[in-house]
C-alpha atoms as a PDB file:
ATOM      1  CA  MET A   1     127.909  23.294 244.975  1.00  0.00           C
ATOM      2  CA  GLU A   2     129.742  22.072 241.903  1.00  0.00           C
ATOM      3  CA  ILE A   3     127.726  22.064 238.651  1.00  0.00           C
ATOM      4  CA  ARG A   4     129.132  19.977 235.797  1.00  0.00           C
ATOM      5  CA  ALA A   5     127.774  20.147 232.234  1.00  0.00           C
ATOM      6  CA  THR A   6     127.422  16.769 230.495  1.00  0.00           C
ATOM      7  CA  LYS A   7     127.658  15.792 226.817  1.00  0.00           C
ATOM      8  CA  ILE A   8     123.885  16.349 226.637  1.00  0.00           C
ATOM      9  CA  SER A   9     122.985  20.023 226.374  1.00  0.00           C
ATOM     10  CA  GLY A  10     120.643  20.987 229.227  1.00  0.00           C
ATOM     11  CA  CYS A  11     121.720  18.111 231.491  1.00  0.00           C
ATOM     12  CA  TYR A  12     123.936  18.805 234.506  1.00  0.00           C
ATOM     13  CA  GLU A  13     125.386  16.782 237.357  1.00  0.00           C
ATOM     14  CA  LEU A  14     125.265  18.717 240.622  1.00  0.00           C
ATOM     15  CA  SER A  15     127.532  17.853 243.534  1.00  0.00           C
ATOM     16  CA  PRO A  16     126.431  19.664 246.688  1.00  0.00           C
ATOM     17  CA  ILE A  17     128.510  19.973 249.805  1.00  0.00           C
ATOM     18  CA  VAL A  18     127.651  17.221 252.269  1.00  0.00           C
ATOM     19  CA  PHE A  19     127.653  18.902 255.704  1.00  0.00           C
ATOM     20  CA  HIS A  20     128.008  17.255 259.087  1.00  0.00           C
ATOM     21  CA  GLN A  21     128.773  13.762 257.824  1.00  0.00           C
ATOM     22  CA  ASP A  22     129.418  11.931 261.082  1.00  0.00           C
ATOM     23  CA  TYR A  23     128.135   9.077 263.268  1.00  0.00           C
ATOM     24  CA  ARG A  24     124.623  10.633 263.179  1.00  0.00           C
ATOM     25  CA  GLY A  25     124.409  10.778 259.390  1.00  0.00           C
ATOM     26  CA  SER A  26     124.694  13.799 257.119  1.00  0.00           C
ATOM     27  CA  PHE A  27     123.099  17.094 256.112  1.00  0.00           C
ATOM     28  CA  VAL A  28     122.898  18.142 252.430  1.00  0.00           C
ATOM     29  CA  LYS A  29     121.622  21.385 250.890  1.00  0.00           C
ATOM     30  CA  THR A  30     119.873  20.350 247.652  1.00  0.00           C
ATOM     31  CA  PHE A  31     118.738  23.750 246.396  1.00  0.00           C
ATOM     32  CA  HIS A  32     119.988  27.331 246.598  1.00  0.00           C
ATOM     33  CA  LYS A  33     118.150  29.861 244.445  1.00  0.00           C
ATOM     34  CA  ASP A  34     121.141  32.186 243.964  1.00  0.00           C
ATOM     35  CA  VAL A  35     123.483  29.351 242.928  1.00  0.00           C
ATOM     36  CA  PHE A  36     120.923  27.971 240.461  1.00  0.00           C
ATOM     37  CA  SER A  37     120.221  31.452 239.018  1.00  0.00           C
ATOM     38  CA  LYS A  38     123.933  32.165 238.612  1.00  0.00           C
ATOM     39  CA  HIS A  39     124.242  29.047 236.420  1.00  0.00           C
ATOM     40  CA  GLY A  40     121.067  29.745 234.401  1.00  0.00           C
ATOM     41  CA  LEU A  41     119.094  26.895 235.986  1.00  0.00           C
ATOM     42  CA  GLU A  42     115.386  26.980 236.788  1.00  0.00           C
ATOM     43  CA  THR A  43     114.523  28.264 240.261  1.00  0.00           C
ATOM     44  CA  ASN A  44     110.714  28.189 240.094  1.00  0.00           C
ATOM     45  CA  PHE A  45     109.825  24.638 241.090  1.00  0.00           C
ATOM     46  CA  VAL A  46     106.053  24.220 241.499  1.00  0.00           C
ATOM     47  CA  GLU A  47     105.816  20.551 242.474  1.00  0.00           C
ATOM     48  CA  GLU A  48     107.921  18.103 244.421  1.00  0.00           C
ATOM     49  CA  TYR A  49     107.392  14.400 244.923  1.00  0.00           C
ATOM     50  CA  TYR A  50     109.251  11.175 245.616  1.00  0.00           C
ATOM     51  CA  SER A  51     109.150   7.495 244.803  1.00  0.00           C
ATOM     52  CA  VAL A  52     110.269   4.590 246.964  1.00  0.00           C
ATOM     53  CA  SER A  53     111.352   1.467 245.090  1.00  0.00           C
ATOM     54  CA  VAL A  54     112.889  -1.896 245.884  1.00  0.00           C
ATOM     55  CA  GLN A  55     116.102  -3.345 244.465  1.00  0.00           C
ATOM     56  CA  ASN A  56     116.078  -4.209 240.725  1.00  0.00           C
ATOM     57  CA  VAL A  57     113.167  -1.867 239.949  1.00  0.00           C
ATOM     58  CA  LEU A  58     113.623   0.144 236.770  1.00  0.00           C
ATOM     59  CA  ARG A  59     111.430   3.224 236.341  1.00  0.00           C
ATOM     60  CA  GLY A  60     111.498   4.929 232.968  1.00  0.00           C
ATOM     61  CA  LEU A  61     112.267   6.232 230.540  1.00  0.00           C
ATOM     62  CA  HIS A  62     109.752   9.007 231.292  1.00  0.00           C
ATOM     63  CA  PHE A  63     109.011  12.581 230.214  1.00  0.00           C
ATOM     64  CA  GLN A  64     106.109  14.926 229.580  1.00  0.00           C
ATOM     65  CA  THR A  65     105.453  16.169 226.061  1.00  0.00           C
ATOM     66  CA  PRO A  66     105.110  19.840 225.095  1.00  0.00           C
ATOM     67  CA  PRO A  67     103.739  22.154 226.202  1.00  0.00           C
ATOM     68  CA  ALA A  68     103.883  20.543 229.677  1.00  0.00           C
ATOM     69  CA  ASP A  69     107.528  19.378 229.724  1.00  0.00           C
ATOM     70  CA  PRO A  70     109.242  20.693 232.859  1.00  0.00           C
ATOM     71  CA  ASN A  71     112.764  21.306 234.032  1.00  0.00           C
ATOM     72  CA  LYS A  72     113.567  18.695 236.694  1.00  0.00           C
ATOM     73  CA  LEU A  73     115.968  18.252 239.558  1.00  0.00           C
ATOM     74  CA  VAL A  74     116.353  14.618 240.670  1.00  0.00           C
ATOM     75  CA  TYR A  75     118.250  13.165 243.606  1.00  0.00           C
ATOM     76  CA  CYS A  76     118.361  10.052 245.785  1.00  0.00           C
ATOM     77  CA  PRO A  77     118.470  10.938 249.511  1.00  0.00           C
ATOM     78  CA  LEU A  78     118.158   7.312 250.637  1.00  0.00           C
ATOM     79  CA  GLY A  79     119.688   4.273 248.949  1.00  0.00           C
ATOM     80  CA  ARG A  80     121.529   4.163 245.615  1.00  0.00           C
ATOM     81  CA  ILE A  81     120.375   4.289 242.002  1.00  0.00           C
ATOM     82  CA  MET A  82     121.768   4.244 238.497  1.00  0.00           C
ATOM     83  CA  ASP A  83     120.162   7.380 237.064  1.00  0.00           C
ATOM     84  CA  VAL A  84     119.918   7.842 233.283  1.00  0.00           C
ATOM     85  CA  ILE A  85     119.087  10.779 231.030  1.00  0.00           C
ATOM     86  CA  VAL A  86     118.394  10.323 227.291  1.00  0.00           C
ATOM     87  CA  ASP A  87     118.265  13.154 224.752  1.00  0.00           C
ATOM     88  CA  VAL A  88     115.024  12.750 222.762  1.00  0.00           C
ATOM     89  CA  ARG A  89     115.166  16.141 220.964  1.00  0.00           C
ATOM     90  CA  VAL A  90     115.187  15.694 217.191  1.00  0.00           C
ATOM     91  CA  GLY A  91     118.096  17.635 215.671  1.00  0.00           C
ATOM     92  CA  SER A  92     120.164  17.654 218.854  1.00  0.00           C
ATOM     93  CA  PRO A  93     123.853  16.768 218.422  1.00  0.00           C
ATOM     94  CA  SER A  94     123.356  14.203 221.203  1.00  0.00           C
ATOM     95  CA  TYR A  95     119.949  12.851 220.026  1.00  0.00           C
ATOM     96  CA  GLY A  96     119.478   9.272 221.251  1.00  0.00           C
ATOM     97  CA  GLN A  97     122.568   9.451 223.453  1.00  0.00           C
ATOM     98  CA  PHE A  98     122.454   8.917 227.201  1.00  0.00           C
ATOM     99  CA  GLU A  99     124.325   9.886 230.352  1.00  0.00           C
ATOM    100  CA  VAL A 100     124.560   7.632 233.396  1.00  0.00           C
ATOM    101  CA  PHE A 101     124.881   8.939 236.964  1.00  0.00           C
ATOM    102  CA  ASP A 102     125.483   7.287 240.325  1.00  0.00           C
ATOM    103  CA  LEU A 103     123.089   8.947 242.781  1.00  0.00           C
ATOM    104  CA  SER A 104     122.940   8.025 246.450  1.00  0.00           C
ATOM    105  CA  GLY A 105     122.251   9.325 249.901  1.00  0.00           C
ATOM    106  CA  GLU A 106     125.969   9.034 250.594  1.00  0.00           C
ATOM    107  CA  ASN A 107     127.308  11.072 247.655  1.00  0.00           C
ATOM    108  CA  GLY A 108     124.425  13.600 247.600  1.00  0.00           C
ATOM    109  CA  LYS A 109     124.762  14.058 243.814  1.00  0.00           C
ATOM    110  CA  MET A 110     121.828  15.357 241.795  1.00  0.00           C
ATOM    111  CA  VAL A 111     120.849  15.578 238.127  1.00  0.00           C
ATOM    112  CA  TYR A 112     119.246  18.645 236.551  1.00  0.00           C
ATOM    113  CA  MET A 113     117.518  18.254 233.181  1.00  0.00           C
ATOM    114  CA  GLU A 114     115.796  20.602 230.782  1.00  0.00           C
ATOM    115  CA  PRO A 115     112.748  19.771 228.621  1.00  0.00           C
ATOM    116  CA  GLY A 116     113.235  17.161 225.906  1.00  0.00           C
ATOM    117  CA  LEU A 117     115.241  14.747 228.011  1.00  0.00           C
ATOM    118  CA  ALA A 118     113.893  11.357 229.086  1.00  0.00           C
ATOM    119  CA  HIS A 119     114.627  10.150 232.614  1.00  0.00           C
ATOM    120  CA  GLY A 120     114.852   6.724 234.191  1.00  0.00           C
ATOM    121  CA  PHE A 121     116.590   4.932 237.014  1.00  0.00           C
ATOM    122  CA  TYR A 122     117.491   1.474 238.278  1.00  0.00           C
ATOM    123  CA  VAL A 123     117.564   0.710 242.012  1.00  0.00           C
ATOM    124  CA  LEU A 124     120.914  -0.730 243.119  1.00  0.00           C
ATOM    125  CA  SER A 125     120.346  -0.778 246.900  1.00  0.00           C
ATOM    126  CA  GLU A 126     117.781  -2.789 248.869  1.00  0.00           C
ATOM    127  CA  THR A 127     115.417   0.200 248.647  1.00  0.00           C
ATOM    128  CA  ALA A 128     115.800   3.737 247.351  1.00  0.00           C
ATOM    129  CA  MET A 129     113.919   7.001 247.622  1.00  0.00           C
ATOM    130  CA  VAL A 130     114.092   9.331 244.621  1.00  0.00           C
ATOM    131  CA  MET A 131     113.071  12.998 244.928  1.00  0.00           C
ATOM    132  CA  TYR A 132     111.869  15.160 242.023  1.00  0.00           C
ATOM    133  CA  LYS A 133     111.560  18.953 241.909  1.00  0.00           C
ATOM    134  CA  ILE A 134     109.484  19.976 238.878  1.00  0.00           C
ATOM    135  CA  SER A 135     108.948  23.380 237.211  1.00  0.00           C
ATOM    136  CA  GLN A 136     105.489  22.554 235.753  1.00  0.00           C
ATOM    137  CA  LEU A 137     102.419  20.985 237.282  1.00  0.00           C
ATOM    138  CA  TYR A 138     101.980  17.316 236.419  1.00  0.00           C
ATOM    139  CA  SER A 139      99.897  16.800 233.269  1.00  0.00           C
ATOM    140  CA  PRO A 140      98.554  13.223 232.937  1.00  0.00           C
ATOM    141  CA  GLU A 141      97.671  13.718 229.252  1.00  0.00           C
ATOM    142  CA  ASN A 142     101.293  14.691 228.478  1.00  0.00           C
ATOM    143  CA  ASP A 143     102.927  11.959 230.576  1.00  0.00           C
ATOM    144  CA  THR A 144     104.632   9.293 228.462  1.00  0.00           C
ATOM    145  CA  GLY A 145     107.991   7.714 227.711  1.00  0.00           C
ATOM    146  CA  ILE A 146     110.096   5.437 225.556  1.00  0.00           C
ATOM    147  CA  ARG A 147     111.131   1.814 226.096  1.00  0.00           C
ATOM    148  CA  TRP A 148     113.868   1.349 228.668  1.00  0.00           C
ATOM    149  CA  ASP A 149     115.854  -0.973 226.384  1.00  0.00           C
ATOM    150  CA  SER A 150     115.643   0.985 223.119  1.00  0.00           C
ATOM    151  CA  VAL A 151     118.802   3.135 223.222  1.00  0.00           C
ATOM    152  CA  GLY A 152     121.542   0.748 224.373  1.00  0.00           C
ATOM    153  CA  ILE A 153     121.794   1.730 228.048  1.00  0.00           C
ATOM    154  CA  PRO A 154     123.923  -0.808 229.969  1.00  0.00           C
ATOM    155  CA  TRP A 155     121.347  -1.505 232.683  1.00  0.00           C
ATOM    156  CA  PRO A 156     122.506  -3.850 235.485  1.00  0.00           C
ATOM    157  CA  SER A 157     119.858  -6.406 234.473  1.00  0.00           C
ATOM    158  CA  ASN A 158     118.137  -7.445 231.248  1.00  0.00           C
ATOM    159  CA  ASN A 159     115.153  -8.522 233.329  1.00  0.00           C
ATOM    160  CA  PRO A 160     114.370  -5.614 235.703  1.00  0.00           C
ATOM    161  CA  ILE A 161     111.169  -5.168 237.670  1.00  0.00           C
ATOM    162  CA  LEU A 162     109.004  -2.925 235.457  1.00  0.00           C
ATOM    163  CA  SER A 163     105.509  -1.493 235.560  1.00  0.00           C
ATOM    164  CA  GLN A 164     103.130  -2.699 232.851  1.00  0.00           C
ATOM    165  CA  ARG A 165     103.061   0.862 231.504  1.00  0.00           C
ATOM    166  CA  ASP A 166     106.856   0.996 231.142  1.00  0.00           C
ATOM    167  CA  LYS A 167     106.840  -2.369 229.321  1.00  0.00           C
ATOM    168  CA  GLU A 168     104.395  -1.004 226.733  1.00  0.00           C
ATOM    169  CA  PHE A 169     106.239   2.193 225.723  1.00  0.00           C
ATOM    170  CA  LEU A 170     107.430   2.362 222.119  1.00  0.00           C
ATOM    171  CA  PRO A 171     111.155   2.285 221.325  1.00  0.00           C
ATOM    172  CA  LEU A 172     112.693   5.713 220.629  1.00  0.00           C
ATOM    173  CA  ALA A 173     112.949   4.872 216.894  1.00  0.00           C
ATOM    174  CA  GLU A 174     109.154   4.342 216.707  1.00  0.00           C
ATOM    175  CA  PHE A 175     108.069   7.163 219.020  1.00  0.00           C
ATOM    176  CA  LYS A 176     106.160  10.014 217.279  1.00  0.00           C
ATOM    177  CA  ASN A 177     108.486  12.691 218.550  1.00  0.00           C
ATOM    178  CA  PRO A 178     107.246  16.235 219.333  1.00  0.00           C
ATOM    179  CA  PHE A 179     110.628  17.468 220.618  1.00  0.00           C
ATOM    180  CA  ARG A 180     112.821  19.691 218.422  1.00  0.00           C
ATOM    181  CA  TYR A 181     116.281  20.753 219.513  1.00  0.00           C
ATOM    182  CA  GLY A 182     116.585  24.469 220.141  1.00  0.00           C
ATOM    183  CA  GLU A 183     112.858  25.050 220.654  1.00  0.00           C
ATOM    184  CA  LYS A 184     111.675  26.079 224.116  1.00  0.00           C
ATOM    185  CA  MET A 185     109.420  23.218 225.151  1.00  0.00           C
ATOM    186  CA  ALA A 186     107.973  24.277 228.464  1.00  0.00           C
ATOM    187  CA  MET A 187     105.371  26.987 228.812  1.00  0.00           C
ATOM    188  CA  ALA A 188     106.530  30.075 230.707  1.00  0.00           C
END
């Protein structure tokens, strides 16, 4: 597995080996405890879930606030998405900046993110399944986000399919921000 650091501290693009890619399909190993440990990445994931979305759906930009902000591993085993990470940690050298990733069942790529990073994605294929491994249990009272169009991300559409909740998030500039760069956000 190749692990590439991005311009955002705590955000990595992971490229696993795609095994047995043939007429039947493919086989991809998405997690290996020793490889993750060797690179200083979280290995204690306590929840896993997935979403299935149709083309032109935009989900995000989501995160959980301290003390319930987890490390996350995100990948798209079916379909194709434009995945985006935004640094929302005040004082970070990359505060307000974003990274864009092409995740699909074909390329097997994944994104790993530490606390203080917002996540969102746009569905490029007819449908897409997105998997999430999370290091903290979901906390509804800490679940929030920022507006999808508030940091200059070049989304494929200016009129995506959004949930009512995602439409109502505040822009990053107006968000009362609890994240501070360099502080450990998640509880041990």
